[in-house]
C-alpha atoms as a PDB file:
ATOM      1  CA  MET A   1       1.935  12.127 -19.316  1.00  0.00           C
ATOM      2  CA  LEU A   2       2.437   8.388 -19.234  1.00  0.00           C
ATOM      3  CA  ARG A   3       6.057   7.730 -20.144  1.00  0.00           C
ATOM      4  CA  GLU A   4       6.743   4.014 -19.854  1.00  0.00           C
ATOM      5  CA  LYS A   5       5.041   0.850 -18.615  1.00  0.00           C
ATOM      6  CA  VAL A   6       6.895  -0.197 -15.465  1.00  0.00           C
ATOM      7  CA  ILE A   7       4.955  -3.346 -14.463  1.00  0.00           C
ATOM      8  CA  ASP A   8       2.559  -5.251 -16.722  1.00  0.00           C
ATOM      9  CA  GLY A   9      -0.656  -6.933 -15.609  1.00  0.00           C
ATOM     10  CA  GLU A  10       0.767 -10.454 -15.812  1.00  0.00           C
ATOM     11  CA  THR A  11       3.640  -9.521 -13.507  1.00  0.00           C
ATOM     12  CA  LEU A  12       1.230  -7.879 -11.045  1.00  0.00           C
ATOM     13  CA  THR A  13      -0.872 -11.057 -10.940  1.00  0.00           C
ATOM     14  CA  ARG A  14       2.197 -13.216 -10.308  1.00  0.00           C
ATOM     15  CA  VAL A  15       3.602 -10.905  -7.609  1.00  0.00           C
ATOM     16  CA  ILE A  16       0.269 -10.675  -5.775  1.00  0.00           C
ATOM     17  CA  ALA A  17      -0.216 -14.458  -5.886  1.00  0.00           C
ATOM     18  CA  ASP A  18       3.248 -14.889  -4.362  1.00  0.00           C
ATOM     19  CA  LEU A  19       2.534 -12.292  -1.658  1.00  0.00           C
ATOM     20  CA  ALA A  20      -0.816 -13.955  -0.846  1.00  0.00           C
ATOM     21  CA  SER A  21       0.938 -17.294  -0.465  1.00  0.00           C
ATOM     22  CA  ARG A  22       3.552 -15.839   1.895  1.00  0.00           C
ATOM     23  CA  VAL A  23       0.958 -13.920   3.926  1.00  0.00           C
ATOM     24  CA  SER A  24      -1.352 -16.962   4.115  1.00  0.00           C
ATOM     25  CA  ALA A  25       1.493 -19.009   5.606  1.00  0.00           C
ATOM     26  CA  ASP A  26       1.869 -16.314   8.275  1.00  0.00           C
ATOM     27  CA  LEU A  27      -1.822 -16.401   9.282  1.00  0.00           C
ATOM     28  CA  GLU A  28      -1.873 -19.735  11.082  1.00  0.00           C
ATOM     29  CA  GLY A  29      -3.077 -19.347  14.660  1.00  0.00           C
ATOM     30  CA  LYS A  30      -3.820 -15.651  14.219  1.00  0.00           C
ATOM     31  CA  ASP A  31      -6.950 -13.507  14.444  1.00  0.00           C
ATOM     32  CA  PRO A  32      -6.212 -11.297  11.424  1.00  0.00           C
ATOM     33  CA  VAL A  33      -7.609  -7.910  10.501  1.00  0.00           C
ATOM     34  CA  PHE A  34      -6.481  -6.555   7.141  1.00  0.00           C
ATOM     35  CA  ILE A  35      -6.453  -2.768   6.866  1.00  0.00           C
ATOM     36  CA  CYS A  36      -6.436  -1.196   3.421  1.00  0.00           C
ATOM     37  CA  VAL A  37      -4.780   2.207   3.172  1.00  0.00           C
ATOM     38  CA  LEU A  38      -7.167   4.074   0.852  1.00  0.00           C
ATOM     39  CA  LYS A  39      -7.385   4.991  -1.891  1.00  0.00           C
ATOM     40  CA  GLY A  40      -4.241   3.747  -3.555  1.00  0.00           C
ATOM     41  CA  ALA A  41      -4.088   0.261  -2.076  1.00  0.00           C
ATOM     42  CA  SER A  42      -7.704  -0.640  -2.910  1.00  0.00           C
ATOM     43  CA  TYR A  43      -6.934  -2.556  -6.111  1.00  0.00           C
ATOM     44  CA  PHE A  44      -3.999  -4.422  -4.543  1.00  0.00           C
ATOM     45  CA  PHE A  45      -5.962  -5.061  -1.330  1.00  0.00           C
ATOM     46  CA  THR A  46      -8.848  -6.688  -3.200  1.00  0.00           C
ATOM     47  CA  HIS A  47      -6.600  -8.892  -5.328  1.00  0.00           C
ATOM     48  CA  LEU A  48      -4.547  -9.890  -2.268  1.00  0.00           C
ATOM     49  CA  THR A  49      -7.374 -10.675   0.164  1.00  0.00           C
ATOM     50  CA  LEU A  50      -9.284 -12.713  -2.433  1.00  0.00           C
ATOM     51  CA  ARG A  51      -6.285 -15.068  -2.562  1.00  0.00           C
ATOM     52  CA  LEU A  52      -5.793 -15.544   1.196  1.00  0.00           C
ATOM     53  CA  ALA A  53      -6.264 -19.076   2.538  1.00  0.00           C
ATOM     54  CA  ALA A  54      -7.976 -18.029   5.795  1.00  0.00           C
ATOM     55  CA  PRO A  55     -11.047 -15.965   6.623  1.00  0.00           C
ATOM     56  CA  VAL A  56     -10.092 -12.407   7.531  1.00  0.00           C
ATOM     57  CA  VAL A  57     -11.750  -9.245   8.793  1.00  0.00           C
ATOM     58  CA  VAL A  58     -11.188  -6.185   6.610  1.00  0.00           C
ATOM     59  CA  ASP A  59     -11.293  -2.474   7.344  1.00  0.00           C
ATOM     60  CA  PHE A  60     -10.177   0.730   5.696  1.00  0.00           C
ATOM     61  CA  ILE A  61      -8.227   3.818   6.693  1.00  0.00           C
ATOM     62  CA  GLN A  62      -7.602   6.849   4.541  1.00  0.00           C
ATOM     63  CA  VAL A  63      -4.795   9.339   4.926  1.00  0.00           C
ATOM     64  CA  SER A  64      -3.586  12.042   2.581  1.00  0.00           C
ATOM     65  CA  SER A  65      -0.091  13.411   1.979  1.00  0.00           C
ATOM     66  CA  TYR A  66       0.286  14.042  -1.767  1.00  0.00           C
ATOM     67  CA  GLY A  67      -2.578  16.201  -3.021  1.00  0.00           C
ATOM     68  CA  ALA A  68      -1.934  17.122  -6.666  1.00  0.00           C
ATOM     69  CA  SER A  69       1.841  16.754  -6.514  1.00  0.00           C
ATOM     70  CA  THR A  70       4.359  14.038  -7.367  1.00  0.00           C
ATOM     71  CA  SER A  71       6.071  14.384  -3.987  1.00  0.00           C
ATOM     72  CA  SER A  72       4.771  13.919  -0.467  1.00  0.00           C
ATOM     73  CA  SER A  73       3.978  17.060   1.493  1.00  0.00           C
ATOM     74  CA  GLY A  74       5.367  15.422   4.628  1.00  0.00           C
ATOM     75  CA  THR A  75       2.123  16.247   6.428  1.00  0.00           C
ATOM     76  CA  VAL A  76      -0.301  13.363   6.843  1.00  0.00           C
ATOM     77  CA  ALA A  77      -3.986  14.030   7.461  1.00  0.00           C
ATOM     78  CA  LEU A  78      -6.422  11.331   8.649  1.00  0.00           C
ATOM     79  CA  VAL A  79      -9.401  11.347   6.280  1.00  0.00           C
ATOM     80  CA  LYS A  80     -11.210   8.095   7.242  1.00  0.00           C
ATOM     81  CA  ASP A  81     -10.648   6.205  10.469  1.00  0.00           C
ATOM     82  CA  LEU A  82     -11.029   2.503  11.264  1.00  0.00           C
ATOM     83  CA  THR A  83     -14.446   1.132  12.238  1.00  0.00           C
ATOM     84  CA  VAL A  84     -13.353  -2.316  13.498  1.00  0.00           C
ATOM     85  CA  ASP A  85     -11.990  -2.904  17.014  1.00  0.00           C
ATOM     86  CA  ILE A  86      -8.426  -4.162  16.476  1.00  0.00           C
ATOM     87  CA  SER A  87      -7.505  -4.535  20.147  1.00  0.00           C
ATOM     88  CA  GLY A  88      -5.787  -7.894  20.663  1.00  0.00           C
ATOM     89  CA  LYS A  89      -5.915  -8.702  16.928  1.00  0.00           C
ATOM     90  CA  ASP A  90      -3.154  -9.462  14.444  1.00  0.00           C
ATOM     91  CA  VAL A  91      -3.206  -6.503  12.062  1.00  0.00           C
ATOM     92  CA  TYR A  92      -1.898  -6.466   8.503  1.00  0.00           C
ATOM     93  CA  ILE A  93      -1.621  -2.988   7.016  1.00  0.00           C
ATOM     94  CA  VAL A  94      -1.874  -3.210   3.222  1.00  0.00           C
ATOM     95  CA  GLU A  95      -0.184  -0.347   1.373  1.00  0.00           C
ATOM     96  CA  ASP A  96       0.220   0.264  -2.359  1.00  0.00           C
ATOM     97  CA  ILE A  97       3.689   1.807  -2.242  1.00  0.00           C
ATOM     98  CA  VAL A  98       6.211   2.514   0.496  1.00  0.00           C
ATOM     99  CA  ASP A  99       8.038   5.647  -0.569  1.00  0.00           C
ATOM    100  CA  THR A 100       9.422   8.059   2.051  1.00  0.00           C
ATOM    101  CA  GLY A 101       7.889   6.003   4.867  1.00  0.00           C
ATOM    102  CA  LEU A 102       6.351   9.112   6.457  1.00  0.00           C
ATOM    103  CA  THR A 103       2.731   8.203   5.740  1.00  0.00           C
ATOM    104  CA  LEU A 104       3.218   4.573   6.680  1.00  0.00           C
ATOM    105  CA  ALA A 105       4.975   5.488   9.951  1.00  0.00           C
ATOM    106  CA  ASP A 106       1.953   7.595  10.940  1.00  0.00           C
ATOM    107  CA  VAL A 107      -0.485   4.817  10.000  1.00  0.00           C
ATOM    108  CA  ILE A 108       1.544   2.267  11.988  1.00  0.00           C
ATOM    109  CA  ALA A 109       1.563   4.560  15.046  1.00  0.00           C
ATOM    110  CA  LEU A 110      -2.187   5.091  14.767  1.00  0.00           C
ATOM    111  CA  VAL A 111      -2.754   1.322  14.567  1.00  0.00           C
ATOM    112  CA  TRP A 112      -0.448   0.542  17.530  1.00  0.00           C
ATOM    113  CA  ALA A 113      -2.374   3.103  19.618  1.00  0.00           C
ATOM    114  CA  ARG A 114      -5.404   0.761  19.338  1.00  0.00           C
ATOM    115  CA  HIS A 115      -3.535  -2.067  21.133  1.00  0.00           C
ATOM    116  CA  PRO A 116      -3.390  -4.865  18.554  1.00  0.00           C
ATOM    117  CA  ARG A 117      -1.487  -8.057  19.382  1.00  0.00           C
ATOM    118  CA  SER A 118       0.772  -7.568  16.362  1.00  0.00           C
ATOM    119  CA  VAL A 119       1.188  -5.332  13.307  1.00  0.00           C
ATOM    120  CA  LYS A 120       2.679  -6.344   9.981  1.00  0.00           C
ATOM    121  CA  VAL A 121       2.914  -4.387   6.744  1.00  0.00           C
ATOM    122  CA  VAL A 122       2.242  -5.746   3.268  1.00  0.00           C
ATOM    123  CA  GLY A 123       3.410  -3.463   0.451  1.00  0.00           C
ATOM    124  CA  LEU A 124       2.960  -4.039  -3.246  1.00  0.00           C
ATOM    125  CA  LEU A 125       5.797  -1.675  -4.189  1.00  0.00           C
ATOM    126  CA  SER A 126       8.758  -0.226  -2.324  1.00  0.00           C
ATOM    127  CA  LYS A 127      11.148   2.609  -3.220  1.00  0.00           C
ATOM    128  CA  PRO A 128      13.941   2.167  -0.666  1.00  0.00           C
ATOM    129  CA  SER A 129      16.026   4.961  -2.239  1.00  0.00           C
ATOM    130  CA  ARG A 130      13.358   7.496  -1.167  1.00  0.00           C
ATOM    131  CA  ARG A 131      13.070   6.383   2.472  1.00  0.00           C
ATOM    132  CA  LYS A 132      13.174   9.219   5.015  1.00  0.00           C
ATOM    133  CA  VAL A 133      11.839   7.147   7.917  1.00  0.00           C
ATOM    134  CA  ASP A 134      12.921   3.590   8.679  1.00  0.00           C
ATOM    135  CA  VAL A 135       9.708   1.556   8.593  1.00  0.00           C
ATOM    136  CA  GLN A 136       9.394  -2.209   8.843  1.00  0.00           C
ATOM    137  CA  VAL A 137       7.751  -3.723   5.755  1.00  0.00           C
ATOM    138  CA  ASP A 138       7.212  -7.420   6.391  1.00  0.00           C
ATOM    139  CA  PHE A 139       6.039  -8.449   2.926  1.00  0.00           C
ATOM    140  CA  ILE A 140       7.153  -6.591  -0.231  1.00  0.00           C
ATOM    141  CA  GLY A 141       6.005  -7.415  -3.743  1.00  0.00           C
ATOM    142  CA  LEU A 142       8.564  -5.485  -5.784  1.00  0.00           C
ATOM    143  CA  GLU A 143      11.231  -2.861  -5.248  1.00  0.00           C
ATOM    144  CA  ILE A 144      11.211  -0.155  -7.898  1.00  0.00           C
ATOM    145  CA  PRO A 145      13.558   2.725  -8.706  1.00  0.00           C
ATOM    146  CA  ASP A 146      12.752   6.350  -7.874  1.00  0.00           C
ATOM    147  CA  ARG A 147      10.109   7.015 -10.515  1.00  0.00           C
ATOM    148  CA  PHE A 148       6.640   8.457  -9.966  1.00  0.00           C
ATOM    149  CA  VAL A 149       4.216   5.687 -10.897  1.00  0.00           C
ATOM    150  CA  VAL A 150       0.473   5.483 -11.528  1.00  0.00           C
ATOM    151  CA  GLY A 151      -2.026   2.730 -12.268  1.00  0.00           C
ATOM    152  CA  PHE A 152      -3.470  -0.240 -10.381  1.00  0.00           C
ATOM    153  CA  GLY A 153      -4.728   2.145  -7.687  1.00  0.00           C
ATOM    154  CA  LEU A 154      -1.818   4.587  -7.740  1.00  0.00           C
ATOM    155  CA  ASP A 155      -2.735   8.065  -8.928  1.00  0.00           C
ATOM    156  CA  PHE A 156      -1.691  11.539  -9.880  1.00  0.00           C
ATOM    157  CA  ALA A 157      -4.314  14.073  -8.714  1.00  0.00           C
ATOM    158  CA  GLU A 158      -6.898  11.235  -8.533  1.00  0.00           C
ATOM    159  CA  ARG A 159      -6.303  10.199 -12.159  1.00  0.00           C
ATOM    160  CA  PHE A 160      -4.939   6.950 -13.632  1.00  0.00           C
ATOM    161  CA  ARG A 161      -5.943   4.645 -10.721  1.00  0.00           C
ATOM    162  CA  ASN A 162      -7.914   2.447 -13.133  1.00  0.00           C
ATOM    163  CA  LEU A 163      -4.991   1.513 -15.383  1.00  0.00           C
ATOM    164  CA  PRO A 164      -4.483  -2.291 -15.239  1.00  0.00           C
ATOM    165  CA  GLU A 165      -0.683  -1.884 -15.245  1.00  0.00           C
ATOM    166  CA  ILE A 166       1.748   0.412 -13.502  1.00  0.00           C
ATOM    167  CA  TRP A 167       3.231   3.252 -15.541  1.00  0.00           C
ATOM    168  CA  GLU A 168       5.793   5.965 -14.956  1.00  0.00           C
ATOM    169  CA  TYR A 169       4.066   9.353 -14.938  1.00  0.00           C
ATOM    170  CA  VAL A 170       5.784  12.638 -15.741  1.00  0.00           C
ATOM    171  CA  PRO A 171       3.840  15.916 -15.402  1.00  0.00           C
ATOM    172  CA  GLU A 172       3.539  17.816 -18.717  1.00  0.00           C
ATOM    173  CA  GLY A 173       5.992  20.587 -17.767  1.00  0.00           C
ATOM    174  CA  GLU A 174       8.678  18.087 -16.696  1.00  0.00           C
ATOM    175  CA  VAL A 175       8.821  15.912 -19.828  1.00  0.00           C
ATOM    176  CA  GLY A 176      12.372  15.837 -21.073  1.00  0.00           C
END
């Protein structure tokens, strides 16, 4: 059940505009490819890339580690691979939330195996208290406490992605 609104739509808009400004400043002289980590980052990715000051190439990758649980399984499966050649390009991986770092570490390794010139990570949300793997996140929108959140692309068992804000979600049996 939805417990509490964590981030409202106005705050999301402001945070994404700030991130787009910072990322745009980093694009000068680069040949950027922006990779959206599906499905969760799709809303953030669209809002971010629409605000960038330079033309960019976009692609999508999909991995899975949660299933119908509120905690990562620790096993990451590649569901959809890249279609764009990123060799020699400046890659920006766009992620909805950096939690344990396990999924992101695997995505980063997969991207580096394709020989880009550089790799940077743009994350809307970060939960540093949950980190199991030290991953470099170059641009972070907001740090949040250890709460399971849904909305604005984030889901629980594929539900709640379409909420325009970010909410704390607590499974029915765990409400206390």
